Amino acid sequence: MKSIVTDDLRHCIICNRIADATHHLLSGSYRQRADTDGLIVGLCNEDHNLYEDDHCKTKPLGYSCDMHHCRKLEILGKIIGQLAWEKNFYRNICIKNLKAFDSEHDTAREMFLRTYGKKYI
């Protein structure tokens, strides 16, 4: 797998320990597309999904826990994924000239919305 978010999938993007897992920044029905588009990061088990308090989603925002149980981390991951996707979108247009660019209609943000059904920024 190749990431457009980071060049280093071997280390946890949160704590820099050795990554035990690859995390898809967009999940559910978009997980396979996120994989194809490179919206993945490396995470250690502790920062990925091994936090022991399984009631964390009921805690206030900012409660320290893992990527799958902390709403702040989940939203931040989606924002990072969208920014990386938009950067890659413009890179493909400007460098590779894949298609004509209409700045009024084909913004990266609108294309992300068409691709993933939601904007996080």
PDB file of N, CA and C in Angstrom:
ATOM      1  N   MET A   1       0.823  -1.180   0.000  1.00  0.00           N
ATOM      2  CA  MET A   1       0.000   0.000   0.000  1.00  0.00           C
ATOM      3  C   MET A   1       0.870   1.247   0.000  1.00  0.00           C
ATOM      4  N   LYS A   2       0.373   2.270  -0.644  1.00  0.00           N
ATOM      5  CA  LYS A   2       1.074   3.546  -0.699  1.00  0.00           C
ATOM      6  C   LYS A   2       0.175   4.632  -0.121  1.00  0.00           C
ATOM      7  N   SER A   3       0.783   5.496   0.674  1.00  0.00           N
ATOM      8  CA  SER A   3       0.043   6.584   1.308  1.00  0.00           C
ATOM      9  C   SER A   3       0.364   7.907   0.632  1.00  0.00           C
ATOM     10  N   ILE A   4      -0.662   8.746   0.459  1.00  0.00           N
ATOM     11  CA  ILE A   4      -0.418  10.116  -0.009  1.00  0.00           C
ATOM     12  C   ILE A   4      -0.335  11.075   1.182  1.00  0.00           C
ATOM     13  N   VAL A   5      -0.507  10.538   2.382  1.00  0.00           N
ATOM     14  CA  VAL A   5      -0.470  11.344   3.600  1.00  0.00           C
ATOM     15  C   VAL A   5       0.941  11.390   4.181  1.00  0.00           C
ATOM     16  N   THR A   6       1.631  10.250   4.149  1.00  0.00           N
ATOM     17  CA  THR A   6       2.963  10.144   4.739  1.00  0.00           C
ATOM     18  C   THR A   6       3.827   9.199   3.911  1.00  0.00           C
ATOM     19  N   ASP A   7       5.120   9.438   3.948  1.00  0.00           N
ATOM     20  CA  ASP A   7       6.059   8.531   3.286  1.00  0.00           C
ATOM     21  C   ASP A   7       6.467   7.384   4.205  1.00  0.00           C
ATOM     22  N   ASP A   8       6.060   7.442   5.459  1.00  0.00           N
ATOM     23  CA  ASP A   8       6.506   6.459   6.447  1.00  0.00           C
ATOM     24  C   ASP A   8       5.326   5.745   7.093  1.00  0.00           C
ATOM     25  N   LEU A   9       4.950   4.610   6.535  1.00  0.00           N
ATOM     26  CA  LEU A   9       3.883   3.793   7.107  1.00  0.00           C
ATOM     27  C   LEU A   9       4.414   2.853   8.185  1.00  0.00           C
ATOM     28  N   ARG A  10       5.749   2.833   8.362  1.00  0.00           N
ATOM     29  CA  ARG A  10       6.351   1.929   9.346  1.00  0.00           C
ATOM     30  C   ARG A  10       6.274   2.466  10.766  1.00  0.00           C
ATOM     31  N   HIS A  11       5.973   3.763  10.906  1.00  0.00           N
ATOM     32  CA  HIS A  11       5.903   4.378  12.230  1.00  0.00           C
ATOM     33  C   HIS A  11       4.535   4.994  12.464  1.00  0.00           C
ATOM     34  N   CYS A  12       4.111   4.958  13.722  1.00  0.00           N
ATOM     35  CA  CYS A  12       2.827   5.526  14.130  1.00  0.00           C
ATOM     36  C   CYS A  12       2.833   7.036  13.884  1.00  0.00           C
ATOM     37  N   ILE A  13       1.822   7.506  13.202  1.00  0.00           N
ATOM     38  CA  ILE A  13       1.743   8.935  12.881  1.00  0.00           C
ATOM     39  C   ILE A  13       1.487   9.791  14.126  1.00  0.00           C
ATOM     40  N   ILE A  14       1.027   9.170  15.209  1.00  0.00           N
ATOM     41  CA  ILE A  14       0.740   9.911  16.436  1.00  0.00           C
ATOM     42  C   ILE A  14       1.940   9.945  17.378  1.00  0.00           C
ATOM     43  N   CYS A  15       2.554   8.786  17.636  1.00  0.00           N
ATOM     44  CA  CYS A  15       3.615   8.734  18.658  1.00  0.00           C
ATOM     45  C   CYS A  15       4.984   8.337  18.105  1.00  0.00           C
ATOM     46  N   ASN A  16       5.068   7.968  16.851  1.00  0.00           N
ATOM     47  CA  ASN A  16       6.301   7.598  16.151  1.00  0.00           C
ATOM     48  C   ASN A  16       6.876   6.241  16.575  1.00  0.00           C
ATOM     49  N   ARG A  17       6.134   5.448  17.362  1.00  0.00           N
ATOM     50  CA  ARG A  17       6.571   4.075  17.638  1.00  0.00           C
ATOM     51  C   ARG A  17       6.369   3.247  16.381  1.00  0.00           C
ATOM     52  N   ILE A  18       6.873   2.031  16.391  1.00  0.00           N
ATOM     53  CA  ILE A  18       6.682   1.134  15.248  1.00  0.00           C
ATOM     54  C   ILE A  18       5.183   0.915  15.036  1.00  0.00           C
ATOM     55  N   ALA A  19       4.732   1.053  13.800  1.00  0.00           N
ATOM     56  CA  ALA A  19       3.311   0.880  13.473  1.00  0.00           C
ATOM     57  C   ALA A  19       2.962  -0.602  13.442  1.00  0.00           C
ATOM     58  N   ASP A  20       1.866  -0.944  14.078  1.00  0.00           N
ATOM     59  CA  ASP A  20       1.355  -2.310  14.070  1.00  0.00           C
ATOM     60  C   ASP A  20       0.233  -2.479  13.058  1.00  0.00           C
ATOM     61  N   ALA A  21      -0.336  -1.375  12.606  1.00  0.00           N
ATOM     62  CA  ALA A  21      -1.504  -1.451  11.728  1.00  0.00           C
ATOM     63  C   ALA A  21      -1.504  -0.302  10.737  1.00  0.00           C
ATOM     64  N   THR A  22      -2.242  -0.508   9.662  1.00  0.00           N
ATOM     65  CA  THR A  22      -2.504   0.545   8.695  1.00  0.00           C
ATOM     66  C   THR A  22      -3.930   1.014   8.931  1.00  0.00           C
ATOM     67  N   HIS A  23      -4.100   2.312   9.100  1.00  0.00           N
ATOM     68  CA  HIS A  23      -5.421   2.870   9.386  1.00  0.00           C
ATOM     69  C   HIS A  23      -5.930   3.642   8.172  1.00  0.00           C
ATOM     70  N   HIS A  24      -7.168   3.352   7.762  1.00  0.00           N
ATOM     71  CA  HIS A  24      -7.822   4.079   6.677  1.00  0.00           C
ATOM     72  C   HIS A  24      -8.476   5.322   7.272  1.00  0.00           C
ATOM     73  N   LEU A  25      -8.124   6.488   6.765  1.00  0.00           N
ATOM     74  CA  LEU A  25      -8.640   7.731   7.329  1.00  0.00           C
ATOM     75  C   LEU A  25     -10.121   7.929   7.036  1.00  0.00           C
ATOM     76  N   LEU A  26     -10.621   7.325   5.988  1.00  0.00           N
ATOM     77  CA  LEU A  26     -12.053   7.327   5.694  1.00  0.00           C
ATOM     78  C   LEU A  26     -12.490   5.874   5.697  1.00  0.00           C
ATOM     79  N   SER A  27     -13.590   5.595   6.374  1.00  0.00           N
ATOM     80  CA  SER A  27     -13.978   4.198   6.554  1.00  0.00           C
ATOM     81  C   SER A  27     -15.380   3.937   6.032  1.00  0.00           C
ATOM     82  N   GLY A  28     -15.939   2.844   6.465  1.00  0.00           N
ATOM     83  CA  GLY A  28     -17.276   2.459   6.027  1.00  0.00           C
ATOM     84  C   GLY A  28     -17.270   2.119   4.546  1.00  0.00           C
ATOM     85  N   SER A  29     -18.247   2.636   3.836  1.00  0.00           N
ATOM     86  CA  SER A  29     -18.357   2.327   2.407  1.00  0.00           C
ATOM     87  C   SER A  29     -17.233   2.955   1.591  1.00  0.00           C
ATOM     88  N   TYR A  30     -16.484   3.890   2.187  1.00  0.00           N
ATOM     89  CA  TYR A  30     -15.382   4.546   1.474  1.00  0.00           C
ATOM     90  C   TYR A  30     -14.016   3.950   1.795  1.00  0.00           C
ATOM     91  N   ARG A  31     -13.966   2.901   2.597  1.00  0.00           N
ATOM     92  CA  ARG A  31     -12.679   2.337   3.014  1.00  0.00           C
ATOM     93  C   ARG A  31     -11.848   1.840   1.831  1.00  0.00           C
ATOM     94  N   GLN A  32     -12.456   1.099   0.933  1.00  0.00           N
ATOM     95  CA  GLN A  32     -11.711   0.574  -0.217  1.00  0.00           C
ATOM     96  C   GLN A  32     -11.226   1.710  -1.109  1.00  0.00           C
ATOM     97  N   ARG A  33     -12.050   2.729  -1.302  1.00  0.00           N
ATOM     98  CA  ARG A  33     -11.649   3.879  -2.107  1.00  0.00           C
ATOM     99  C   ARG A  33     -10.498   4.627  -1.419  1.00  0.00           C
ATOM    100  N   ALA A  34     -10.576   4.766  -0.085  1.00  0.00           N
ATOM    101  CA  ALA A  34      -9.506   5.416   0.670  1.00  0.00           C
ATOM    102  C   ALA A  34      -8.201   4.650   0.517  1.00  0.00           C
ATOM    103  N   ASP A  35      -8.295   3.332   0.496  1.00  0.00           N
ATOM    104  CA  ASP A  35      -7.122   2.489   0.292  1.00  0.00           C
ATOM    105  C   ASP A  35      -6.533   2.740  -1.093  1.00  0.00           C
ATOM    106  N   THR A  36      -7.377   2.743  -2.102  1.00  0.00           N
ATOM    107  CA  THR A  36      -6.941   2.984  -3.481  1.00  0.00           C
ATOM    108  C   THR A  36      -6.325   4.372  -3.632  1.00  0.00           C
ATOM    109  N   ASP A  37      -6.925   5.368  -2.976  1.00  0.00           N
ATOM    110  CA  ASP A  37      -6.445   6.746  -3.086  1.00  0.00           C
ATOM    111  C   ASP A  37      -5.252   7.046  -2.181  1.00  0.00           C
ATOM    112  N   GLY A  38      -4.869   6.111  -1.317  1.00  0.00           N
ATOM    113  CA  GLY A  38      -3.712   6.306  -0.446  1.00  0.00           C
ATOM    114  C   GLY A  38      -4.010   7.083   0.819  1.00  0.00           C
ATOM    115  N   LEU A  39      -5.253   7.083   1.266  1.00  0.00           N
ATOM    116  CA  LEU A  39      -5.619   7.802   2.484  1.00  0.00           C
ATOM    117  C   LEU A  39      -5.455   6.878   3.688  1.00  0.00           C
ATOM    118  N   ILE A  40      -4.204   6.506   3.921  1.00  0.00           N
ATOM    119  CA  ILE A  40      -3.858   5.577   4.991  1.00  0.00           C
ATOM    120  C   ILE A  40      -2.658   6.112   5.761  1.00  0.00           C
ATOM    121  N   VAL A  41      -2.581   5.720   7.032  1.00  0.00           N
ATOM    122  CA  VAL A  41      -1.445   6.077   7.885  1.00  0.00           C
ATOM    123  C   VAL A  41      -1.090   4.871   8.734  1.00  0.00           C
ATOM    124  N   GLY A  42       0.125   4.851   9.237  1.00  0.00           N
ATOM    125  CA  GLY A  42       0.536   3.812  10.168  1.00  0.00           C
ATOM    126  C   GLY A  42       0.189   4.212  11.591  1.00  0.00           C
ATOM    127  N   LEU A  43      -0.280   3.243  12.379  1.00  0.00           N
ATOM    128  CA  LEU A  43      -0.580   3.481  13.789  1.00  0.00           C
ATOM    129  C   LEU A  43      -0.089   2.302  14.617  1.00  0.00           C
ATOM    130  N   CYS A  44       0.413   2.588  15.819  1.00  0.00           N
ATOM    131  CA  CYS A  44       0.720   1.512  16.760  1.00  0.00           C
ATOM    132  C   CYS A  44      -0.616   0.998  17.307  1.00  0.00           C
ATOM    133  N   ASN A  45      -0.611  -0.188  17.900  1.00  0.00           N
ATOM    134  CA  ASN A  45      -1.863  -0.754  18.416  1.00  0.00           C
ATOM    135  C   ASN A  45      -2.529   0.142  19.454  1.00  0.00           C
ATOM    136  N   GLU A  46      -1.736   0.752  20.327  1.00  0.00           N
ATOM    137  CA  GLU A  46      -2.311   1.591  21.376  1.00  0.00           C
ATOM    138  C   GLU A  46      -3.050   2.790  20.798  1.00  0.00           C
ATOM    139  N   ASP A  47      -2.486   3.421  19.780  1.00  0.00           N
ATOM    140  CA  ASP A  47      -3.131   4.593  19.182  1.00  0.00           C
ATOM    141  C   ASP A  47      -4.180   4.206  18.144  1.00  0.00           C
ATOM    142  N   HIS A  48      -4.194   2.958  17.727  1.00  0.00           N
ATOM    143  CA  HIS A  48      -5.162   2.524  16.723  1.00  0.00           C
ATOM    144  C   HIS A  48      -6.479   2.096  17.349  1.00  0.00           C
ATOM    145  N   ASN A  49      -6.462   1.058  18.190  1.00  0.00           N
ATOM    146  CA  ASN A  49      -7.748   0.574  18.698  1.00  0.00           C
ATOM    147  C   ASN A  49      -7.665  -0.243  19.984  1.00  0.00           C
ATOM    148  N   LEU A  50      -6.616  -0.071  20.759  1.00  0.00           N
ATOM    149  CA  LEU A  50      -6.497  -0.885  21.964  1.00  0.00           C
ATOM    150  C   LEU A  50      -6.704  -0.121  23.262  1.00  0.00           C
ATOM    151  N   TYR A  51      -7.309   1.039  23.186  1.00  0.00           N
ATOM    152  CA  TYR A  51      -7.606   1.768  24.412  1.00  0.00           C
ATOM    153  C   TYR A  51      -8.643   0.960  25.191  1.00  0.00           C
ATOM    154  N   GLU A  52      -8.452   0.805  26.495  1.00  0.00           N
ATOM    155  CA  GLU A  52      -9.259  -0.124  27.275  1.00  0.00           C
ATOM    156  C   GLU A  52     -10.664   0.365  27.608  1.00  0.00           C
ATOM    157  N   ASP A  53     -10.916   1.663  27.646  1.00  0.00           N
ATOM    158  CA  ASP A  53     -12.237   2.167  28.005  1.00  0.00           C
ATOM    159  C   ASP A  53     -13.144   2.169  26.782  1.00  0.00           C
ATOM    160  N   ASP A  54     -13.980   1.134  26.635  1.00  0.00           N
ATOM    161  CA  ASP A  54     -14.818   1.039  25.442  1.00  0.00           C
ATOM    162  C   ASP A  54     -16.035   1.962  25.513  1.00  0.00           C
ATOM    163  N   HIS A  55     -16.129   2.799  26.549  1.00  0.00           N
ATOM    164  CA  HIS A  55     -17.208   3.782  26.634  1.00  0.00           C
ATOM    165  C   HIS A  55     -16.707   5.178  26.272  1.00  0.00           C
ATOM    166  N   CYS A  56     -15.547   5.247  25.634  1.00  0.00           N
ATOM    167  CA  CYS A  56     -14.905   6.528  25.362  1.00  0.00           C
ATOM    168  C   CYS A  56     -15.777   7.449  24.509  1.00  0.00           C
ATOM    169  N   LYS A  57     -16.576   6.897  23.596  1.00  0.00           N
ATOM    170  CA  LYS A  57     -17.390   7.750  22.734  1.00  0.00           C
ATOM    171  C   LYS A  57     -18.403   8.568  23.529  1.00  0.00           C
ATOM    172  N   THR A  58     -18.665   8.180  24.769  1.00  0.00           N
ATOM    173  CA  THR A  58     -19.595   8.942  25.590  1.00  0.00           C
ATOM    174  C   THR A  58     -18.876  10.027  26.385  1.00  0.00           C
ATOM    175  N   LYS A  59     -17.553  10.037  26.345  1.00  0.00           N
ATOM    176  CA  LYS A  59     -16.775  11.036  27.086  1.00  0.00           C
ATOM    177  C   LYS A  59     -16.743  12.345  26.295  1.00  0.00           C
ATOM    178  N   PRO A  60     -16.438  13.460  26.954  1.00  0.00           N
ATOM    179  CA  PRO A  60     -16.353  14.742  26.242  1.00  0.00           C
ATOM    180  C   PRO A  60     -15.231  14.738  25.223  1.00  0.00           C
ATOM    181  N   LEU A  61     -15.346  15.603  24.223  1.00  0.00           N
ATOM    182  CA  LEU A  61     -14.273  15.734  23.235  1.00  0.00           C
ATOM    183  C   LEU A  61     -12.969  16.037  23.939  1.00  0.00           C
ATOM    184  N   GLY A  62     -11.884  15.473  23.413  1.00  0.00           N
ATOM    185  CA  GLY A  62     -10.582  15.706  23.999  1.00  0.00           C
ATOM    186  C   GLY A  62     -10.170  14.638  24.976  1.00  0.00           C
ATOM    187  N   TYR A  63     -11.062  13.734  25.320  1.00  0.00           N
ATOM    188  CA  TYR A  63     -10.720  12.635  26.210  1.00  0.00           C
ATOM    189  C   TYR A  63      -9.684  11.773  25.505  1.00  0.00           C
ATOM    190  N   SER A  64      -8.604  11.495  26.158  1.00  0.00           N
ATOM    191  CA  SER A  64      -7.499  10.785  25.536  1.00  0.00           C
ATOM    192  C   SER A  64      -7.823   9.313  25.296  1.00  0.00           C
ATOM    193  N   CYS A  65      -7.733   8.880  24.074  1.00  0.00           N
ATOM    194  CA  CYS A  65      -7.949   7.473  23.731  1.00  0.00           C
ATOM    195  C   CYS A  65      -7.450   7.210  22.320  1.00  0.00           C
ATOM    196  N   ASP A  66      -7.834   6.105  21.725  1.00  0.00           N
ATOM    197  CA  ASP A  66      -7.291   5.717  20.428  1.00  0.00           C
ATOM    198  C   ASP A  66      -8.105   6.259  19.251  1.00  0.00           C
ATOM    199  N   MET A  67      -7.571   6.055  18.044  1.00  0.00           N
ATOM    200  CA  MET A  67      -8.141   6.602  16.815  1.00  0.00           C
ATOM    201  C   MET A  67      -9.581   6.140  16.566  1.00  0.00           C
ATOM    202  N   HIS A  68      -9.915   4.937  16.982  1.00  0.00           N
ATOM    203  CA  HIS A  68     -11.263   4.423  16.726  1.00  0.00           C
ATOM    204  C   HIS A  68     -12.276   4.810  17.802  1.00  0.00           C
ATOM    205  N   HIS A  69     -11.815   5.385  18.908  1.00  0.00           N
ATOM    206  CA  HIS A  69     -12.732   5.731  19.982  1.00  0.00           C
ATOM    207  C   HIS A  69     -12.718   7.199  20.376  1.00  0.00           C
ATOM    208  N   CYS A  70     -11.799   7.962  19.839  1.00  0.00           N
ATOM    209  CA  CYS A  70     -11.715   9.381  20.179  1.00  0.00           C
ATOM    210  C   CYS A  70     -12.244  10.201  19.002  1.00  0.00           C
ATOM    211  N   ARG A  71     -13.330  10.900  19.241  1.00  0.00           N
ATOM    212  CA  ARG A  71     -13.971  11.656  18.165  1.00  0.00           C
ATOM    213  C   ARG A  71     -13.040  12.723  17.590  1.00  0.00           C
ATOM    214  N   LYS A  72     -12.259  13.376  18.446  1.00  0.00           N
ATOM    215  CA  LYS A  72     -11.326  14.402  17.974  1.00  0.00           C
ATOM    216  C   LYS A  72     -10.294  13.808  17.020  1.00  0.00           C
ATOM    217  N   LEU A  73      -9.701  12.675  17.405  1.00  0.00           N
ATOM    218  CA  LEU A  73      -8.707  12.037  16.541  1.00  0.00           C
ATOM    219  C   LEU A  73      -9.338  11.567  15.232  1.00  0.00           C
ATOM    220  N   GLU A  74     -10.538  11.037  15.306  1.00  0.00           N
ATOM    221  CA  GLU A  74     -11.229  10.561  14.099  1.00  0.00           C
ATOM    222  C   GLU A  74     -11.484  11.717  13.129  1.00  0.00           C
ATOM    223  N   ILE A  75     -11.986  12.836  13.649  1.00  0.00           N
ATOM    224  CA  ILE A  75     -12.258  13.996  12.794  1.00  0.00           C
ATOM    225  C   ILE A  75     -10.960  14.573  12.247  1.00  0.00           C
ATOM    226  N   LEU A  76      -9.938  14.682  13.084  1.00  0.00           N
ATOM    227  CA  LEU A  76      -8.649  15.192  12.631  1.00  0.00           C
ATOM    228  C   LEU A  76      -8.080  14.314  11.522  1.00  0.00           C
ATOM    229  N   GLY A  77      -8.202  13.002  11.660  1.00  0.00           N
ATOM    230  CA  GLY A  77      -7.740  12.091  10.617  1.00  0.00           C
ATOM    231  C   GLY A  77      -8.463  12.321   9.301  1.00  0.00           C
ATOM    232  N   LYS A  78      -9.758  12.578   9.354  1.00  0.00           N
ATOM    233  CA  LYS A  78     -10.536  12.829   8.136  1.00  0.00           C
ATOM    234  C   LYS A  78     -10.130  14.151   7.492  1.00  0.00           C
ATOM    235  N   ILE A  79      -9.878  15.166   8.308  1.00  0.00           N
ATOM    236  CA  ILE A  79      -9.425  16.453   7.778  1.00  0.00           C
ATOM    237  C   ILE A  79      -8.057  16.285   7.107  1.00  0.00           C
ATOM    238  N   ILE A  80      -7.146  15.589   7.768  1.00  0.00           N
ATOM    239  CA  ILE A  80      -5.818  15.340   7.192  1.00  0.00           C
ATOM    240  C   ILE A  80      -5.951  14.571   5.876  1.00  0.00           C
ATOM    241  N   GLY A  81      -6.820  13.575   5.861  1.00  0.00           N
ATOM    242  CA  GLY A  81      -7.041  12.806   4.637  1.00  0.00           C
ATOM    243  C   GLY A  81      -7.576  13.671   3.518  1.00  0.00           C
ATOM    244  N   GLN A  82      -8.544  14.533   3.817  1.00  0.00           N
ATOM    245  CA  GLN A  82      -9.095  15.402   2.778  1.00  0.00           C
ATOM    246  C   GLN A  82      -8.040  16.363   2.251  1.00  0.00           C
ATOM    247  N   LEU A  83      -7.244  16.967   3.128  1.00  0.00           N
ATOM    248  CA  LEU A  83      -6.192  17.890   2.690  1.00  0.00           C
ATOM    249  C   LEU A  83      -5.169  17.181   1.796  1.00  0.00           C
ATOM    250  N   ALA A  84      -4.778  15.958   2.170  1.00  0.00           N
ATOM    251  CA  ALA A  84      -3.833  15.199   1.346  1.00  0.00           C
ATOM    252  C   ALA A  84      -4.446  14.874  -0.008  1.00  0.00           C
ATOM    253  N   TRP A  85      -5.722  14.515  -0.025  1.00  0.00           N
ATOM    254  CA  TRP A  85      -6.410  14.182  -1.281  1.00  0.00           C
ATOM    255  C   TRP A  85      -6.474  15.408  -2.191  1.00  0.00           C
ATOM    256  N   GLU A  86      -6.825  16.574  -1.605  1.00  0.00           N
ATOM    257  CA  GLU A  86      -6.902  17.802  -2.397  1.00  0.00           C
ATOM    258  C   GLU A  86      -5.534  18.191  -2.962  1.00  0.00           C
ATOM    259  N   LYS A  87      -4.500  18.076  -2.158  1.00  0.00           N
ATOM    260  CA  LYS A  87      -3.147  18.376  -2.630  1.00  0.00           C
ATOM    261  C   LYS A  87      -2.783  17.453  -3.787  1.00  0.00           C
ATOM    262  N   ASN A  88      -3.095  16.174  -3.649  1.00  0.00           N
ATOM    263  CA  ASN A  88      -2.805  15.208  -4.694  1.00  0.00           C
ATOM    264  C   ASN A  88      -3.625  15.504  -5.956  1.00  0.00           C
ATOM    265  N   PHE A  89      -4.862  15.930  -5.795  1.00  0.00           N
ATOM    266  CA  PHE A  89      -5.732  16.295  -6.919  1.00  0.00           C
ATOM    267  C   PHE A  89      -5.083  17.397  -7.745  1.00  0.00           C
ATOM    268  N   TYR A  90      -4.649  18.471  -7.074  1.00  0.00           N
ATOM    269  CA  TYR A  90      -4.024  19.588  -7.792  1.00  0.00           C
ATOM    270  C   TYR A  90      -2.682  19.181  -8.388  1.00  0.00           C
ATOM    271  N   ARG A  91      -1.925  18.359  -7.689  1.00  0.00           N
ATOM    272  CA  ARG A  91      -0.648  17.879  -8.219  1.00  0.00           C
ATOM    273  C   ARG A  91      -0.870  17.112  -9.528  1.00  0.00           C
ATOM    274  N   ASN A  92      -1.872  16.251  -9.545  1.00  0.00           N
ATOM    275  CA  ASN A  92      -2.163  15.478 -10.760  1.00  0.00           C
ATOM    276  C   ASN A  92      -2.579  16.375 -11.914  1.00  0.00           C
ATOM    277  N   ILE A  93      -3.331  17.422 -11.641  1.00  0.00           N
ATOM    278  CA  ILE A  93      -3.761  18.335 -12.700  1.00  0.00           C
ATOM    279  C   ILE A  93      -2.600  19.185 -13.193  1.00  0.00           C
ATOM    280  N   CYS A  94      -1.863  19.787 -12.271  1.00  0.00           N
ATOM    281  CA  CYS A  94      -0.807  20.727 -12.645  1.00  0.00           C
ATOM    282  C   CYS A  94       0.410  20.045 -13.242  1.00  0.00           C
ATOM    283  N   ILE A  95       0.829  18.938 -12.666  1.00  0.00           N
ATOM    284  CA  ILE A  95       2.051  18.292 -13.121  1.00  0.00           C
ATOM    285  C   ILE A  95       1.795  17.351 -14.287  1.00  0.00           C
ATOM    286  N   LYS A  96       0.746  16.563 -14.186  1.00  0.00           N
ATOM    287  CA  LYS A  96       0.495  15.540 -15.202  1.00  0.00           C
ATOM    288  C   LYS A  96      -0.459  16.003 -16.293  1.00  0.00           C
ATOM    289  N   ASN A  97      -1.113  17.150 -16.101  1.00  0.00           N
ATOM    290  CA  ASN A  97      -2.070  17.675 -17.077  1.00  0.00           C
ATOM    291  C   ASN A  97      -3.077  16.613 -17.514  1.00  0.00           C
ATOM    292  N   LEU A  98      -3.711  15.980 -16.539  1.00  0.00           N
ATOM    293  CA  LEU A  98      -4.643  14.906 -16.846  1.00  0.00           C
ATOM    294  C   LEU A  98      -5.915  15.407 -17.510  1.00  0.00           C
ATOM    295  N   LYS A  99      -6.317  16.639 -17.202  1.00  0.00           N
ATOM    296  CA  LYS A  99      -7.519  17.179 -17.831  1.00  0.00           C
ATOM    297  C   LYS A  99      -7.472  18.691 -17.724  1.00  0.00           C
ATOM    298  N   ALA A 100      -8.310  19.331 -18.478  1.00  0.00           N
ATOM    299  CA  ALA A 100      -8.412  20.783 -18.382  1.00  0.00           C
ATOM    300  C   ALA A 100      -9.002  21.127 -17.019  1.00  0.00           C
ATOM    301  N   PHE A 101      -8.525  22.192 -16.440  1.00  0.00           N
ATOM    302  CA  PHE A 101      -8.961  22.570 -15.102  1.00  0.00           C
ATOM    303  C   PHE A 101      -9.837  23.801 -15.174  1.00  0.00           C
ATOM    304  N   ASP A 102     -11.036  23.693 -14.670  1.00  0.00           N
ATOM    305  CA  ASP A 102     -11.974  24.802 -14.603  1.00  0.00           C
ATOM    306  C   ASP A 102     -12.075  25.213 -13.138  1.00  0.00           C
ATOM    307  N   SER A 103     -11.340  26.247 -12.747  1.00  0.00           N
ATOM    308  CA  SER A 103     -11.244  26.610 -11.334  1.00  0.00           C
ATOM    309  C   SER A 103     -12.590  26.993 -10.728  1.00  0.00           C
ATOM    310  N   GLU A 104     -13.551  27.407 -11.539  1.00  0.00           N
ATOM    311  CA  GLU A 104     -14.848  27.786 -10.996  1.00  0.00           C
ATOM    312  C   GLU A 104     -15.677  26.571 -10.606  1.00  0.00           C
ATOM    313  N   HIS A 105     -15.505  25.444 -11.304  1.00  0.00           N
ATOM    314  CA  HIS A 105     -16.354  24.287 -11.076  1.00  0.00           C
ATOM    315  C   HIS A 105     -15.626  23.057 -10.549  1.00  0.00           C
ATOM    316  N   ASP A 106     -14.388  22.865 -10.909  1.00  0.00           N
ATOM    317  CA  ASP A 106     -13.683  21.635 -10.553  1.00  0.00           C
ATOM    318  C   ASP A 106     -12.677  21.843  -9.436  1.00  0.00           C
ATOM    319  N   THR A 107     -13.083  22.468  -8.349  1.00  0.00           N
ATOM    320  CA  THR A 107     -12.150  22.627  -7.244  1.00  0.00           C
ATOM    321  C   THR A 107     -11.921  21.270  -6.588  1.00  0.00           C
ATOM    322  N   ALA A 108     -10.785  21.122  -5.965  1.00  0.00           N
ATOM    323  CA  ALA A 108     -10.465  19.864  -5.288  1.00  0.00           C
ATOM    324  C   ALA A 108     -11.498  19.570  -4.210  1.00  0.00           C
ATOM    325  N   ARG A 109     -11.971  20.595  -3.525  1.00  0.00           N
ATOM    326  CA  ARG A 109     -12.951  20.397  -2.458  1.00  0.00           C
ATOM    327  C   ARG A 109     -14.256  19.828  -3.008  1.00  0.00           C
ATOM    328  N   GLU A 110     -14.705  20.356  -4.150  1.00  0.00           N
ATOM    329  CA  GLU A 110     -15.933  19.842  -4.767  1.00  0.00           C
ATOM    330  C   GLU A 110     -15.723  18.426  -5.309  1.00  0.00           C
ATOM    331  N   MET A 111     -14.548  18.164  -5.858  1.00  0.00           N
ATOM    332  CA  MET A 111     -14.256  16.818  -6.357  1.00  0.00           C
ATOM    333  C   MET A 111     -14.181  15.818  -5.208  1.00  0.00           C
ATOM    334  N   PHE A 112     -13.639  16.239  -4.056  1.00  0.00           N
ATOM    335  CA  PHE A 112     -13.611  15.371  -2.878  1.00  0.00           C
ATOM    336  C   PHE A 112     -15.042  15.043  -2.449  1.00  0.00           C
ATOM    337  N   LEU A 113     -15.906  16.056  -2.442  1.00  0.00           N
ATOM    338  CA  LEU A 113     -17.308  15.848  -2.082  1.00  0.00           C
ATOM    339  C   LEU A 113     -17.961  14.852  -3.033  1.00  0.00           C
ATOM    340  N   ARG A 114     -17.710  14.984  -4.322  1.00  0.00           N
ATOM    341  CA  ARG A 114     -18.282  14.037  -5.300  1.00  0.00           C
ATOM    342  C   ARG A 114     -17.732  12.637  -5.098  1.00  0.00           C
ATOM    343  N   THR A 115     -16.471  12.537  -4.712  1.00  0.00           N
ATOM    344  CA  THR A 115     -15.832  11.229  -4.549  1.00  0.00           C
ATOM    345  C   THR A 115     -16.244  10.550  -3.247  1.00  0.00           C
ATOM    346  N   TYR A 116     -16.254  11.313  -2.146  1.00  0.00           N
ATOM    347  CA  TYR A 116     -16.474  10.726  -0.820  1.00  0.00           C
ATOM    348  C   TYR A 116     -17.813  11.097  -0.173  1.00  0.00           C
ATOM    349  N   GLY A 117     -18.618  11.928  -0.836  1.00  0.00           N
ATOM    350  CA  GLY A 117     -19.947  12.212  -0.351  1.00  0.00           C
ATOM    351  C   GLY A 117     -20.047  13.187   0.806  1.00  0.00           C
ATOM    352  N   LYS A 118     -18.923  13.684   1.296  1.00  0.00           N
ATOM    353  CA  LYS A 118     -18.928  14.604   2.436  1.00  0.00           C
ATOM    354  C   LYS A 118     -17.616  15.375   2.463  1.00  0.00           C
ATOM    355  N   LYS A 119     -17.689  16.632   2.931  1.00  0.00           N
ATOM    356  CA  LYS A 119     -16.480  17.420   3.150  1.00  0.00           C
ATOM    357  C   LYS A 119     -16.247  17.513   4.651  1.00  0.00           C
ATOM    358  N   TYR A 120     -14.989  17.451   5.054  1.00  0.00           N
ATOM    359  CA  TYR A 120     -14.632  17.539   6.468  1.00  0.00           C
ATOM    360  C   TYR A 120     -14.012  18.884   6.821  1.00  0.00           C
ATOM    361  N   ILE A 121     -13.792  19.719   5.824  1.00  0.00           N
ATOM    362  CA  ILE A 121     -13.197  21.038   6.027  1.00  0.00           C
ATOM    363  C   ILE A 121     -14.245  22.082   5.686  1.00  0.00           C
TER     364      ILE A 121
END
